[in-house]
All heavy atoms as atom14 arrays in JSON, in Angstrom:
{
  "sequence": "PSQIASVISSEQFEEMRQKLNRLPAPPTPPRLSKDDWFGGVRVFLIV",
  "atom14_mask": [
    [1, 1, 1, 1, 1, 1, 1, 0, 0, 0, 0, 0, 0, 0],
    [1, 1, 1, 1, 1, 1, 0, 0, 0, 0, 0, 0, 0, 0],
    [1, 1, 1, 1, 1, 1, 1, 1, 1, 0, 0, 0, 0, 0],
    [1, 1, 1, 1, 1, 1, 1, 1, 0, 0, 0, 0, 0, 0],
    [1, 1, 1, 1, 1, 0, 0, 0, 0, 0, 0, 0, 0, 0],
    [1, 1, 1, 1, 1, 1, 0, 0, 0, 0, 0, 0, 0, 0],
    [1, 1, 1, 1, 1, 1, 1, 0, 0, 0, 0, 0, 0, 0],
    [1, 1, 1, 1, 1, 1, 1, 1, 0, 0, 0, 0, 0, 0],
    [1, 1, 1, 1, 1, 1, 0, 0, 0, 0, 0, 0, 0, 0],
    [1, 1, 1, 1, 1, 1, 0, 0, 0, 0, 0, 0, 0, 0],
    [1, 1, 1, 1, 1, 1, 1, 1, 1, 0, 0, 0, 0, 0],
    [1, 1, 1, 1, 1, 1, 1, 1, 1, 0, 0, 0, 0, 0],
    [1, 1, 1, 1, 1, 1, 1, 1, 1, 1, 1, 0, 0, 0],
    [1, 1, 1, 1, 1, 1, 1, 1, 1, 0, 0, 0, 0, 0],
    [1, 1, 1, 1, 1, 1, 1, 1, 1, 0, 0, 0, 0, 0],
    [1, 1, 1, 1, 1, 1, 1, 1, 0, 0, 0, 0, 0, 0],
    [1, 1, 1, 1, 1, 1, 1, 1, 1, 1, 1, 0, 0, 0],
    [1, 1, 1, 1, 1, 1, 1, 1, 1, 0, 0, 0, 0, 0],
    [1, 1, 1, 1, 1, 1, 1, 1, 1, 0, 0, 0, 0, 0],
    [1, 1, 1, 1, 1, 1, 1, 1, 0, 0, 0, 0, 0, 0],
    [1, 1, 1, 1, 1, 1, 1, 1, 0, 0, 0, 0, 0, 0],
    [1, 1, 1, 1, 1, 1, 1, 1, 1, 1, 1, 0, 0, 0],
    [1, 1, 1, 1, 1, 1, 1, 1, 0, 0, 0, 0, 0, 0],
    [1, 1, 1, 1, 1, 1, 1, 0, 0, 0, 0, 0, 0, 0],
    [1, 1, 1, 1, 1, 0, 0, 0, 0, 0, 0, 0, 0, 0],
    [1, 1, 1, 1, 1, 1, 1, 0, 0, 0, 0, 0, 0, 0],
    [1, 1, 1, 1, 1, 1, 1, 0, 0, 0, 0, 0, 0, 0],
    [1, 1, 1, 1, 1, 1, 1, 0, 0, 0, 0, 0, 0, 0],
    [1, 1, 1, 1, 1, 1, 1, 0, 0, 0, 0, 0, 0, 0],
    [1, 1, 1, 1, 1, 1, 1, 0, 0, 0, 0, 0, 0, 0],
    [1, 1, 1, 1, 1, 1, 1, 1, 1, 1, 1, 0, 0, 0],
    [1, 1, 1, 1, 1, 1, 1, 1, 0, 0, 0, 0, 0, 0],
    [1, 1, 1, 1, 1, 1, 0, 0, 0, 0, 0, 0, 0, 0],
    [1, 1, 1, 1, 1, 1, 1, 1, 1, 0, 0, 0, 0, 0],
    [1, 1, 1, 1, 1, 1, 1, 1, 0, 0, 0, 0, 0, 0],
    [1, 1, 1, 1, 1, 1, 1, 1, 0, 0, 0, 0, 0, 0],
    [1, 1, 1, 1, 1, 1, 1, 1, 1, 1, 1, 1, 1, 1],
    [1, 1, 1, 1, 1, 1, 1, 1, 1, 1, 1, 0, 0, 0],
    [1, 1, 1, 1, 0, 0, 0, 0, 0, 0, 0, 0, 0, 0],
    [1, 1, 1, 1, 0, 0, 0, 0, 0, 0, 0, 0, 0, 0],
    [1, 1, 1, 1, 1, 1, 1, 0, 0, 0, 0, 0, 0, 0],
    [1, 1, 1, 1, 1, 1, 1, 1, 1, 1, 1, 0, 0, 0],
    [1, 1, 1, 1, 1, 1, 1, 0, 0, 0, 0, 0, 0, 0],
    [1, 1, 1, 1, 1, 1, 1, 1, 1, 1, 1, 0, 0, 0],
    [1, 1, 1, 1, 1, 1, 1, 1, 0, 0, 0, 0, 0, 0],
    [1, 1, 1, 1, 1, 1, 1, 1, 0, 0, 0, 0, 0, 0],
    [1, 1, 1, 1, 1, 1, 1, 0, 0, 0, 0, 0, 0, 0]
  ],
  "atom14_positions": [
    [[-12.8, 2.44, -30.69], [-12.06, 3.38, -31.54], [-10.63, 2.89, -31.63], [-10.05, 2.4, -30.66], [-12.12, 4.71, -30.74], [-13.35, 4.6, -29.99], [-13.52, 3.2, -29.56], [0.0, 0.0, 0.0], [0.0, 0.0, 0.0], [0.0, 0.0, 0.0], [0.0, 0.0, 0.0], [0.0, 0.0, 0.0], [0.0, 0.0, 0.0], [0.0, 0.0, 0.0]],
    [[-10.01, 3.0, -32.82], [-8.68, 2.41, -33.01], [-7.63, 3.0, -32.14], [-6.7, 2.28, -31.66], [-8.32, 2.64, -34.54], [-8.31, 4.0, -34.85], [0.0, 0.0, 0.0], [0.0, 0.0, 0.0], [0.0, 0.0, 0.0], [0.0, 0.0, 0.0], [0.0, 0.0, 0.0], [0.0, 0.0, 0.0], [0.0, 0.0, 0.0], [0.0, 0.0, 0.0]],
    [[-7.7, 4.3, -31.83], [-6.65, 4.9, -31.02], [-6.74, 4.32, -29.58], [-5.74, 4.2, -28.89], [-6.83, 6.41, -31.0], [-6.41, 7.06, -32.29], [-6.5, 8.54, -32.23], [-7.27, 9.19, -31.45], [-5.65, 9.24, -33.05], [0.0, 0.0, 0.0], [0.0, 0.0, 0.0], [0.0, 0.0, 0.0], [0.0, 0.0, 0.0], [0.0, 0.0, 0.0]],
    [[-7.95, 4.08, -29.08], [-8.09, 3.53, -27.71], [-7.6, 2.08, -27.7], [-6.91, 1.66, -26.83], [-9.54, 3.64, -27.27], [-9.97, 5.1, -27.13], [-9.76, 2.9, -25.93], [-11.36, 5.31, -26.65], [0.0, 0.0, 0.0], [0.0, 0.0, 0.0], [0.0, 0.0, 0.0], [0.0, 0.0, 0.0], [0.0, 0.0, 0.0], [0.0, 0.0, 0.0]],
    [[-8.02, 1.32, -28.72], [-7.63, -0.08, -28.8], [-6.12, -0.26, -28.89], [-5.53, -1.23, -28.41], [-8.27, -0.73, -29.99], [0.0, 0.0, 0.0], [0.0, 0.0, 0.0], [0.0, 0.0, 0.0], [0.0, 0.0, 0.0], [0.0, 0.0, 0.0], [0.0, 0.0, 0.0], [0.0, 0.0, 0.0], [0.0, 0.0, 0.0], [0.0, 0.0, 0.0]],
    [[-5.44, 0.74, -29.49], [-3.96, 0.64, -29.68], [-3.19, 0.75, -28.39], [-2.01, 0.35, -28.36], [-3.49, 1.71, -30.63], [-3.7, 2.99, -30.13], [0.0, 0.0, 0.0], [0.0, 0.0, 0.0], [0.0, 0.0, 0.0], [0.0, 0.0, 0.0], [0.0, 0.0, 0.0], [0.0, 0.0, 0.0], [0.0, 0.0, 0.0], [0.0, 0.0, 0.0]],
    [[-3.81, 1.27, -27.3], [-3.03, 1.5, -26.08], [-3.46, 0.49, -25.05], [-3.01, 0.56, -23.86], [-3.25, 2.91, -25.54], [-2.71, 4.01, -26.53], [-4.76, 3.18, -25.2], [0.0, 0.0, 0.0], [0.0, 0.0, 0.0], [0.0, 0.0, 0.0], [0.0, 0.0, 0.0], [0.0, 0.0, 0.0], [0.0, 0.0, 0.0], [0.0, 0.0, 0.0]],
    [[-4.3, -0.5, -25.39], [-4.79, -1.51, -24.42], [-3.84, -2.74, -24.48], [-3.6, -3.22, -25.6], [-6.24, -1.89, -24.67], [-7.13, -0.71, -24.43], [-6.69, -3.0, -23.77], [-8.62, -0.91, -24.69], [0.0, 0.0, 0.0], [0.0, 0.0, 0.0], [0.0, 0.0, 0.0], [0.0, 0.0, 0.0], [0.0, 0.0, 0.0], [0.0, 0.0, 0.0]],
    [[-3.41, -3.16, -23.35], [-2.47, -4.3, -23.32], [-3.3, -5.61, -23.44], [-4.53, -5.69, -23.29], [-1.74, -4.36, -21.98], [-2.6, -4.5, -20.9], [0.0, 0.0, 0.0], [0.0, 0.0, 0.0], [0.0, 0.0, 0.0], [0.0, 0.0, 0.0], [0.0, 0.0, 0.0], [0.0, 0.0, 0.0], [0.0, 0.0, 0.0], [0.0, 0.0, 0.0]],
    [[-2.54, -6.73, -23.7], [-3.16, -8.03, -23.86], [-3.84, -8.42, -22.59], [-4.88, -9.14, -22.51], [-2.16, -9.08, -24.3], [-1.08, -9.1, -23.35], [0.0, 0.0, 0.0], [0.0, 0.0, 0.0], [0.0, 0.0, 0.0], [0.0, 0.0, 0.0], [0.0, 0.0, 0.0], [0.0, 0.0, 0.0], [0.0, 0.0, 0.0], [0.0, 0.0, 0.0]],
    [[-3.23, -8.06, -21.4], [-3.81, -8.35, -20.08], [-5.11, -7.63, -19.91], [-6.11, -8.27, -19.36], [-2.82, -8.0, -18.94], [-1.63, -8.84, -18.89], [-0.55, -8.4, -19.89], [-0.74, -7.3, -20.54], [0.45, -9.1, -20.03], [0.0, 0.0, 0.0], [0.0, 0.0, 0.0], [0.0, 0.0, 0.0], [0.0, 0.0, 0.0], [0.0, 0.0, 0.0]],
    [[-5.19, -6.43, -20.37], [-6.49, -5.66, -20.26], [-7.55, -6.28, -21.17], [-8.76, -6.36, -20.77], [-6.25, -4.18, -20.56], [-5.45, -3.45, -19.51], [-5.05, -2.09, -19.96], [-4.65, -1.84, -21.09], [-5.15, -1.12, -19.07], [0.0, 0.0, 0.0], [0.0, 0.0, 0.0], [0.0, 0.0, 0.0], [0.0, 0.0, 0.0], [0.0, 0.0, 0.0]],
    [[-7.14, -6.71, -22.34], [-8.06, -7.37, -23.22], [-8.58, -8.7, -22.58], [-9.8, -8.94, -22.71], [-7.43, -7.71, -24.6], [-7.44, -6.62, -25.64], [-6.27, -6.03, -26.13], [-8.69, -6.1, -26.05], [-6.35, -5.0, -27.04], [-8.71, -5.08, -26.98], [-7.55, -4.54, -27.48], [0.0, 0.0, 0.0], [0.0, 0.0, 0.0], [0.0, 0.0, 0.0]],
    [[-7.73, -9.4, -21.99], [-8.12, -10.62, -21.34], [-9.2, -10.3, -20.17], [-10.14, -11.06, -19.99], [-6.95, -11.37, -20.75], [-7.22, -12.61, -19.99], [-7.95, -13.69, -20.83], [-7.89, -13.65, -22.09], [-8.67, -14.54, -20.21], [0.0, 0.0, 0.0], [0.0, 0.0, 0.0], [0.0, 0.0, 0.0], [0.0, 0.0, 0.0], [0.0, 0.0, 0.0]],
    [[-8.88, -9.23, -19.43], [-9.77, -8.9, -18.32], [-11.15, -8.53, -18.91], [-12.18, -8.91, -18.33], [-9.17, -7.72, -17.6], [-10.03, -7.28, -16.38], [-9.42, -6.13, -15.61], [-8.33, -5.73, -15.9], [-10.08, -5.68, -14.65], [0.0, 0.0, 0.0], [0.0, 0.0, 0.0], [0.0, 0.0, 0.0], [0.0, 0.0, 0.0], [0.0, 0.0, 0.0]],
    [[-11.16, -7.79, -20.0], [-12.41, -7.44, -20.57], [-13.13, -8.69, -21.14], [-14.4, -8.74, -21.01], [-12.22, -6.41, -21.76], [-11.96, -5.0, -21.3], [-11.92, -3.8, -22.71], [-10.27, -4.09, -23.21], [0.0, 0.0, 0.0], [0.0, 0.0, 0.0], [0.0, 0.0, 0.0], [0.0, 0.0, 0.0], [0.0, 0.0, 0.0], [0.0, 0.0, 0.0]],
    [[-12.44, -9.59, -21.7], [-13.07, -10.82, -22.21], [-13.72, -11.62, -21.12], [-14.88, -12.07, -21.26], [-12.0, -11.65, -22.9], [-12.58, -12.89, -23.6], [-11.49, -13.65, -24.37], [-10.61, -14.34, -23.45], [-10.78, -15.52, -22.94], [-11.94, -16.22, -23.29], [-9.95, -16.12, -22.13], [0.0, 0.0, 0.0], [0.0, 0.0, 0.0], [0.0, 0.0, 0.0]],
    [[-13.08, -11.71, -19.98], [-13.63, -12.42, -18.86], [-14.9, -11.72, -18.34], [-15.88, -12.37, -17.99], [-12.64, -12.55, -17.74], [-11.43, -13.43, -18.12], [-10.4, -13.52, -17.02], [-10.59, -12.98, -15.88], [-9.27, -14.22, -17.27], [0.0, 0.0, 0.0], [0.0, 0.0, 0.0], [0.0, 0.0, 0.0], [0.0, 0.0, 0.0], [0.0, 0.0, 0.0]],
    [[-14.83, -10.35, -18.28], [-16.05, -9.66, -17.82], [-17.17, -9.84, -18.79], [-18.36, -9.94, -18.36], [-15.7, -8.17, -17.64], [-14.82, -7.87, -16.4], [-14.59, -6.39, -16.28], [-13.77, -6.09, -15.07], [-13.51, -4.66, -14.85], [0.0, 0.0, 0.0], [0.0, 0.0, 0.0], [0.0, 0.0, 0.0], [0.0, 0.0, 0.0], [0.0, 0.0, 0.0]],
    [[-16.91, -9.81, -20.07], [-18.0, -10.01, -21.07], [-18.56, -11.38, -20.96], [-19.74, -11.6, -21.2], [-17.36, -9.77, -22.5], [-17.05, -8.37, -22.82], [-16.26, -8.25, -24.14], [-18.3, -7.51, -22.91], [0.0, 0.0, 0.0], [0.0, 0.0, 0.0], [0.0, 0.0, 0.0], [0.0, 0.0, 0.0], [0.0, 0.0, 0.0], [0.0, 0.0, 0.0]],
    [[-17.74, -12.37, -20.68], [-18.23, -13.72, -20.5], [-19.15, -13.9, -19.32], [-19.97, -14.82, -19.28], [-17.07, -14.7, -20.45], [-16.42, -14.95, -21.79], [-17.05, -14.85, -22.78], [-15.1, -15.29, -21.78], [0.0, 0.0, 0.0], [0.0, 0.0, 0.0], [0.0, 0.0, 0.0], [0.0, 0.0, 0.0], [0.0, 0.0, 0.0], [0.0, 0.0, 0.0]],
    [[-19.01, -12.99, -18.36], [-19.81, -13.1, -17.13], [-21.11, -12.34, -17.26], [-21.94, -12.4, -16.39], [-19.02, -12.54, -15.94], [-17.88, -13.46, -15.5], [-17.37, -13.2, -14.12], [-16.77, -11.82, -14.03], [-15.52, -11.62, -14.24], [-14.67, -12.61, -14.42], [-15.05, -10.42, -14.09], [0.0, 0.0, 0.0], [0.0, 0.0, 0.0], [0.0, 0.0, 0.0]],
    [[-21.29, -11.57, -18.33], [-22.48, -10.83, -18.6], [-23.67, -11.79, -18.81], [-23.46, -12.83, -19.34], [-22.37, -9.89, -19.76], [-21.45, -8.68, -19.57], [-21.37, -7.91, -20.94], [-22.01, -7.76, -18.49], [0.0, 0.0, 0.0], [0.0, 0.0, 0.0], [0.0, 0.0, 0.0], [0.0, 0.0, 0.0], [0.0, 0.0, 0.0], [0.0, 0.0, 0.0]],
    [[-24.89, -11.37, -18.41], [-26.11, -12.15, -18.73], [-26.26, -12.33, -20.23], [-25.84, -11.45, -21.01], [-27.25, -11.46, -18.1], [-26.73, -10.01, -17.92], [-25.26, -10.16, -17.66], [0.0, 0.0, 0.0], [0.0, 0.0, 0.0], [0.0, 0.0, 0.0], [0.0, 0.0, 0.0], [0.0, 0.0, 0.0], [0.0, 0.0, 0.0], [0.0, 0.0, 0.0]],
    [[-26.95, -13.33, -20.65], [-27.21, -13.56, -22.09], [-28.01, -12.42, -22.63], [-29.01, -11.96, -22.04], [-27.92, -14.86, -22.25], [0.0, 0.0, 0.0], [0.0, 0.0, 0.0], [0.0, 0.0, 0.0], [0.0, 0.0, 0.0], [0.0, 0.0, 0.0], [0.0, 0.0, 0.0], [0.0, 0.0, 0.0], [0.0, 0.0, 0.0], [0.0, 0.0, 0.0]],
    [[-27.63, -11.87, -23.77], [-28.38, -10.71, -24.37], [-29.69, -11.23, -24.93], [-29.89, -12.41, -25.24], [-27.49, -10.22, -25.46], [-26.63, -11.48, -25.85], [-26.46, -12.23, -24.59], [0.0, 0.0, 0.0], [0.0, 0.0, 0.0], [0.0, 0.0, 0.0], [0.0, 0.0, 0.0], [0.0, 0.0, 0.0], [0.0, 0.0, 0.0], [0.0, 0.0, 0.0]],
    [[-30.7, -10.26, -25.09], [-31.97, -10.67, -25.56], [-31.9, -11.07, -27.09], [-31.05, -10.57, -27.8], [-32.81, -9.39, -25.43], [-31.83, -8.29, -25.41], [-30.6, -8.82, -24.73], [0.0, 0.0, 0.0], [0.0, 0.0, 0.0], [0.0, 0.0, 0.0], [0.0, 0.0, 0.0], [0.0, 0.0, 0.0], [0.0, 0.0, 0.0], [0.0, 0.0, 0.0]],
    [[-32.74, -12.02, -27.45], [-32.77, -12.51, -28.85], [-34.29, -12.47, -29.3], [-35.07, -13.24, -28.63], [-32.15, -13.84, -29.03], [-30.83, -13.84, -28.56], [-32.12, -14.24, -30.47], [0.0, 0.0, 0.0], [0.0, 0.0, 0.0], [0.0, 0.0, 0.0], [0.0, 0.0, 0.0], [0.0, 0.0, 0.0], [0.0, 0.0, 0.0], [0.0, 0.0, 0.0]],
    [[-34.65, -11.75, -30.25], [-33.83, -10.76, -31.02], [-33.63, -9.54, -30.2], [-34.21, -9.35, -29.17], [-34.72, -10.52, -32.2], [-36.13, -10.67, -31.68], [-36.08, -11.84, -30.75], [0.0, 0.0, 0.0], [0.0, 0.0, 0.0], [0.0, 0.0, 0.0], [0.0, 0.0, 0.0], [0.0, 0.0, 0.0], [0.0, 0.0, 0.0], [0.0, 0.0, 0.0]],
    [[-32.72, -8.62, -30.73], [-32.43, -7.36, -29.98], [-33.69, -6.58, -29.88], [-34.57, -6.58, -30.71], [-31.4, -6.67, -30.83], [-31.57, -7.26, -32.21], [-31.98, -8.72, -32.01], [0.0, 0.0, 0.0], [0.0, 0.0, 0.0], [0.0, 0.0, 0.0], [0.0, 0.0, 0.0], [0.0, 0.0, 0.0], [0.0, 0.0, 0.0], [0.0, 0.0, 0.0]],
    [[-33.79, -5.77, -28.75], [-34.95, -4.94, -28.53], [-34.47, -3.49, -28.33], [-33.42, -3.25, -27.68], [-35.7, -5.44, -27.34], [-36.42, -6.72, -27.53], [-37.35, -7.07, -26.38], [-36.67, -7.19, -25.16], [-36.22, -8.4, -24.63], [-36.44, -9.51, -25.31], [-35.65, -8.39, -23.45], [0.0, 0.0, 0.0], [0.0, 0.0, 0.0], [0.0, 0.0, 0.0]],
    [[-35.25, -2.55, -28.76], [-35.03, -1.15, -28.51], [-35.34, -0.81, -27.06], [-36.31, -1.23, -26.59], [-35.83, -0.25, -29.46], [-35.47, -0.34, -30.98], [-36.43, 0.52, -31.79], [-34.04, 0.0, -31.25], [0.0, 0.0, 0.0], [0.0, 0.0, 0.0], [0.0, 0.0, 0.0], [0.0, 0.0, 0.0], [0.0, 0.0, 0.0], [0.0, 0.0, 0.0]],
    [[-34.46, -0.01, -26.44], [-34.68, 0.4, -25.08], [-35.51, 1.69, -25.05], [-35.83, 2.29, -26.06], [-33.35, 0.68, -24.38], [-32.68, 1.82, -25.01], [0.0, 0.0, 0.0], [0.0, 0.0, 0.0], [0.0, 0.0, 0.0], [0.0, 0.0, 0.0], [0.0, 0.0, 0.0], [0.0, 0.0, 0.0], [0.0, 0.0, 0.0], [0.0, 0.0, 0.0]],
    [[-35.93, 2.1, -23.87], [-36.68, 3.32, -23.69], [-35.85, 4.48, -24.23], [-36.39, 5.43, -24.84], [-36.95, 3.56, -22.23], [-37.82, 4.77, -21.91], [-38.2, 4.88, -20.46], [-36.96, 5.09, -19.57], [-37.34, 5.29, -18.19], [0.0, 0.0, 0.0], [0.0, 0.0, 0.0], [0.0, 0.0, 0.0], [0.0, 0.0, 0.0], [0.0, 0.0, 0.0]],
    [[-34.58, 4.53, -23.95], [-33.7, 5.6, -24.46], [-33.68, 5.65, -26.01], [-33.61, 6.73, -26.54], [-32.28, 5.44, -23.92], [-32.21, 5.84, -22.44], [-33.03, 6.65, -21.99], [-31.29, 5.37, -21.81], [0.0, 0.0, 0.0], [0.0, 0.0, 0.0], [0.0, 0.0, 0.0], [0.0, 0.0, 0.0], [0.0, 0.0, 0.0], [0.0, 0.0, 0.0]],
    [[-33.62, 4.43, -26.65], [-33.71, 4.41, -28.09], [-34.97, 5.04, -28.6], [-34.95, 5.82, -29.58], [-33.6, 2.98, -28.61], [-32.23, 2.32, -28.24], [-31.22, 3.03, -28.3], [-32.21, 1.15, -27.93], [0.0, 0.0, 0.0], [0.0, 0.0, 0.0], [0.0, 0.0, 0.0], [0.0, 0.0, 0.0], [0.0, 0.0, 0.0], [0.0, 0.0, 0.0]],
    [[-36.15, 4.68, -28.03], [-37.42, 5.23, -28.43], [-37.42, 6.77, -28.23], [-37.82, 7.55, -29.14], [-38.55, 4.61, -27.68], [-38.83, 3.18, -28.1], [-38.55, 2.07, -27.31], [-39.33, 2.72, -29.32], [-38.96, 0.95, -28.0], [-39.45, 1.3, -29.25], [-39.78, 3.32, -30.52], [-39.91, 0.53, -30.28], [-40.2, 2.54, -31.57], [-40.27, 1.18, -31.4]],
    [[-36.96, 7.24, -27.11], [-36.89, 8.68, -26.85], [-35.91, 9.37, -27.78], [-36.13, 10.52, -28.17], [-36.53, 8.95, -25.4], [-37.72, 8.94, -24.46], [-37.72, 7.95, -23.41], [-38.77, 9.77, -24.59], [-38.77, 7.89, -22.57], [-39.83, 9.71, -23.69], [-39.88, 8.8, -22.68], [0.0, 0.0, 0.0], [0.0, 0.0, 0.0], [0.0, 0.0, 0.0]],
    [[-34.84, 8.71, -28.14], [-33.86, 9.25, -29.1], [-34.54, 9.53, -30.47], [-34.32, 10.59, -31.1], [0.0, 0.0, 0.0], [0.0, 0.0, 0.0], [0.0, 0.0, 0.0], [0.0, 0.0, 0.0], [0.0, 0.0, 0.0], [0.0, 0.0, 0.0], [0.0, 0.0, 0.0], [0.0, 0.0, 0.0], [0.0, 0.0, 0.0], [0.0, 0.0, 0.0]],
    [[-35.36, 8.58, -30.91], [-36.11, 8.82, -32.21], [-37.04, 9.92, -32.09], [-37.23, 10.77, -33.05], [0.0, 0.0, 0.0], [0.0, 0.0, 0.0], [0.0, 0.0, 0.0], [0.0, 0.0, 0.0], [0.0, 0.0, 0.0], [0.0, 0.0, 0.0], [0.0, 0.0, 0.0], [0.0, 0.0, 0.0], [0.0, 0.0, 0.0], [0.0, 0.0, 0.0]],
    [[-37.74, 10.07, -30.92], [-38.69, 11.2, -30.72], [-37.92, 12.53, -30.74], [-38.41, 13.51, -31.33], [-39.47, 11.03, -29.4], [-40.27, 12.29, -29.08], [-40.38, 9.8, -29.47], [0.0, 0.0, 0.0], [0.0, 0.0, 0.0], [0.0, 0.0, 0.0], [0.0, 0.0, 0.0], [0.0, 0.0, 0.0], [0.0, 0.0, 0.0], [0.0, 0.0, 0.0]],
    [[-36.77, 12.57, -30.15], [-36.0, 13.73, -30.16], [-35.51, 14.13, -31.57], [-35.51, 15.32, -31.92], [-34.75, 13.59, -29.28], [-33.83, 14.82, -29.27], [-32.76, 14.79, -28.16], [-33.39, 15.12, -26.86], [-32.65, 15.36, -25.77], [-31.35, 15.26, -25.84], [-33.26, 15.65, -24.65], [0.0, 0.0, 0.0], [0.0, 0.0, 0.0], [0.0, 0.0, 0.0]],
    [[-35.12, 13.14, -32.35], [-34.81, 13.41, -33.78], [-35.98, 14.09, -34.45], [-35.85, 15.08, -35.19], [-34.41, 12.1, -34.47], [-34.36, 12.3, -35.96], [-33.05, 11.64, -34.0], [0.0, 0.0, 0.0], [0.0, 0.0, 0.0], [0.0, 0.0, 0.0], [0.0, 0.0, 0.0], [0.0, 0.0, 0.0], [0.0, 0.0, 0.0], [0.0, 0.0, 0.0]],
    [[-37.2, 13.56, -34.26], [-38.37, 14.09, -34.88], [-38.59, 15.57, -34.44], [-38.86, 16.44, -35.31], [-39.61, 13.24, -34.54], [-40.91, 13.85, -34.95], [-41.34, 13.74, -36.25], [-41.69, 14.54, -34.03], [-42.59, 14.33, -36.61], [-42.9, 15.1, -34.39], [-43.35, 14.98, -35.67], [0.0, 0.0, 0.0], [0.0, 0.0, 0.0], [0.0, 0.0, 0.0]],
    [[-38.46, 15.82, -33.16], [-38.71, 17.2, -32.66], [-37.71, 18.16, -33.17], [-38.03, 19.28, -33.53], [-38.69, 17.14, -31.11], [-39.87, 16.43, -30.48], [-39.66, 16.39, -28.96], [-41.19, 17.05, -30.79], [0.0, 0.0, 0.0], [0.0, 0.0, 0.0], [0.0, 0.0, 0.0], [0.0, 0.0, 0.0], [0.0, 0.0, 0.0], [0.0, 0.0, 0.0]],
    [[-36.39, 17.73, -33.25], [-35.39, 18.68, -33.77], [-35.67, 19.05, -35.24], [-35.62, 20.22, -35.56], [-34.0, 18.0, -33.67], [-33.61, 17.88, -32.21], [-32.97, 18.81, -34.41], [-32.28, 17.11, -31.99], [0.0, 0.0, 0.0], [0.0, 0.0, 0.0], [0.0, 0.0, 0.0], [0.0, 0.0, 0.0], [0.0, 0.0, 0.0], [0.0, 0.0, 0.0]],
    [[-36.0, 18.04, -36.06], [-36.2, 18.32, -37.52], [-37.44, 19.24, -37.64], [-37.49, 20.11, -38.5], [-36.42, 17.0, -38.22], [-36.82, 17.28, -39.68], [-35.13, 16.2, -38.22], [0.0, 0.0, 0.0], [0.0, 0.0, 0.0], [0.0, 0.0, 0.0], [0.0, 0.0, 0.0], [0.0, 0.0, 0.0], [0.0, 0.0, 0.0], [0.0, 0.0, 0.0]]
  ]
}
C-alpha cells in the first residue's frame, strides 16, 4: 500500500530485499494453496 511504502526507509527496503533473496525459489508455475481452494468454496457457500 502506498501509505505504508511512503514511511519505509531505504535501509528497511534493503533489509527486505536481502530477506527476499534468501527465500526459497517459488514454484513454477504458481499453484493454488489449500487456503485458496477453501476460499473459493466459501465464496460459493456465501452466494
